Amino acid sequence: QVQLEEFGGGLVQPGSSLRLSCVASGFTFTMYAMAWYRQAPGKKRELVTGITSAGEIRDVADSVKGRFTISRDNDKNTVDLQMRSLNPEDTAVYYCTRGANFVEYWGKGTLVTVSS
């Protein structure tokens, strides 16, 4: 069965960097676009950024442009989210998904808290 497992969340200070990783299994990873979503407390879940099966980055949220970068390793079946210059507004549960604008599967999420 399809499994998406996120790693790397935690508590960081404003201005810090953090890298999230997602390990995918149960499907042919190279055939699917992947994405990261997030849901902040009291807010709707939003698309952070996506990446096509070929590695093209798409749909980067304005709030993270220039700070967050998605990447994938088709040999390791992983998709990462490199986050820089984190601020308290980035506090959220971050989800790895199969699919970007049309999401078929969700991971359980990893919590990122940005606080001094």
Protein backbone atom coordinates (compact mmCIF):
# COMPACT_ATOMS: atom_id res chain seq x y z
CA GLN A 1 0.00 0.00 0.00
CA VAL A 2 1.01 3.60 -0.53
CA GLN A 3 2.96 5.03 2.38
CA LEU A 4 4.39 8.49 2.86
CA GLU A 5 6.44 9.11 5.98
CA GLU A 6 7.77 12.51 6.91
CA PHE A 7 10.87 13.20 8.99
CA GLY A 8 12.71 16.24 10.25
CA GLY A 9 10.22 18.44 12.06
CA GLY A 10 10.99 20.10 15.34
CA LEU A 11 11.37 23.32 17.29
CA VAL A 12 13.66 25.94 15.75
CA GLN A 13 14.40 29.60 16.31
CA PRO A 14 13.40 32.34 13.89
CA GLY A 15 15.94 32.72 11.11
CA SER A 16 16.96 29.07 11.25
CA SER A 17 16.96 26.44 8.54
CA LEU A 18 15.38 23.02 8.60
CA ARG A 19 15.16 20.16 6.13
CA LEU A 20 12.17 17.87 5.94
CA SER A 21 12.31 14.51 4.24
CA CYS A 22 9.58 12.20 3.02
CA VAL A 23 10.13 8.54 2.25
CA ALA A 24 7.64 7.10 -0.21
CA SER A 25 6.80 3.45 -0.74
CA GLY A 26 4.16 1.22 -2.25
CA PHE A 27 4.02 2.79 -5.68
CA THR A 28 6.23 3.64 -8.64
CA PHE A 29 7.68 6.87 -7.33
CA THR A 30 9.08 8.05 -10.64
CA MET A 31 5.61 8.24 -12.17
CA TYR A 32 4.11 10.78 -9.80
CA ALA A 33 4.32 14.42 -8.93
CA MET A 34 4.89 15.05 -5.24
CA ALA A 35 4.28 18.01 -3.00
CA TRP A 36 4.47 19.49 0.46
CA TYR A 37 1.44 21.01 2.12
CA ARG A 38 1.17 22.63 5.51
CA GLN A 39 -1.54 23.49 7.98
CA ALA A 40 -0.98 26.17 10.55
CA PRO A 41 -3.04 26.32 13.74
CA GLY A 42 -6.52 27.60 12.97
CA LYS A 43 -5.86 27.84 9.23
CA LYS A 44 -6.69 25.84 6.16
CA ARG A 45 -4.24 23.41 4.70
CA GLU A 46 -2.22 25.04 1.92
CA LEU A 47 0.07 23.89 -0.86
CA VAL A 48 3.64 24.91 -0.11
CA THR A 49 5.31 23.64 -3.26
CA GLY A 50 5.22 20.78 -5.71
CA ILE A 51 7.58 18.92 -7.98
CA THR A 52 6.79 16.99 -11.13
CA SER A 53 7.86 13.43 -11.77
CA ALA A 54 10.65 14.85 -13.93
CA GLY A 55 11.87 17.15 -11.18
CA GLU A 56 10.36 20.45 -12.30
CA ILE A 57 9.38 22.66 -9.39
CA ARG A 58 5.90 24.15 -9.58
CA ASP A 59 3.25 25.90 -7.51
CA VAL A 60 5.50 27.59 -5.01
CA ALA A 61 3.46 29.54 -2.46
CA ASP A 62 4.23 33.25 -2.41
CA SER A 63 4.87 33.08 1.31
CA VAL A 64 7.83 30.72 0.86
CA LYS A 65 9.35 31.86 -2.45
CA GLY A 66 13.08 32.31 -2.16
CA ARG A 67 13.16 30.49 1.18
CA PHE A 68 11.86 26.95 0.62
CA THR A 69 13.07 24.51 -2.01
CA ILE A 70 11.63 21.14 -2.86
CA SER A 71 13.73 18.36 -4.36
CA ARG A 72 13.37 14.68 -5.09
CA ASP A 73 15.64 11.68 -5.38
CA ASN A 74 14.07 9.12 -7.67
CA ASP A 75 16.68 6.53 -6.72
CA LYS A 76 15.86 6.77 -3.02
CA ASN A 77 12.12 7.47 -3.38
CA THR A 78 12.43 10.59 -1.29
CA VAL A 79 11.19 14.15 -1.57
CA ASP A 80 12.73 16.83 0.60
CA LEU A 81 11.81 20.35 1.61
CA GLN A 82 14.70 22.63 2.44
CA MET A 83 13.45 25.56 4.52
CA ARG A 84 15.50 28.70 5.22
CA SER A 85 14.92 31.93 7.08
CA LEU A 86 12.11 30.39 9.03
CA ASN A 87 9.73 32.69 10.84
CA PRO A 88 6.90 32.07 13.32
CA GLU A 89 4.35 32.18 10.48
CA ASP A 90 5.92 29.00 9.13
CA THR A 91 4.79 27.10 12.21
CA ALA A 92 2.58 24.29 10.96
CA VAL A 93 2.19 20.59 10.43
CA TYR A 94 3.89 19.78 7.14
CA TYR A 95 2.51 16.99 4.97
CA CYS A 96 4.08 15.09 2.14
CA THR A 97 1.63 14.22 -0.61
CA ARG A 98 1.44 12.18 -3.75
CA GLY A 99 0.14 14.63 -6.26
CA ALA A 100 0.22 18.41 -6.01
CA ASN A 101 -3.00 20.09 -7.13
CA PHE A 102 -4.78 16.75 -7.14
CA VAL A 103 -3.69 14.90 -4.01
CA GLU A 104 -4.24 11.16 -3.86
CA TYR A 105 -2.37 10.31 -0.67
CA TRP A 106 -1.20 12.17 2.41
CA GLY A 107 1.47 11.44 4.95
CA LYS A 108 0.69 11.81 8.64
CA GLY A 109 2.61 15.03 8.88
CA THR A 110 5.51 16.43 10.87
CA LEU A 111 5.26 19.44 13.14
CA VAL A 112 7.52 22.43 12.61
CA THR A 113 7.47 25.06 15.33
CA VAL A 114 9.35 28.32 14.86
CA SER A 115 9.70 30.16 18.13
CA SER A 116 12.26 31.96 20.21
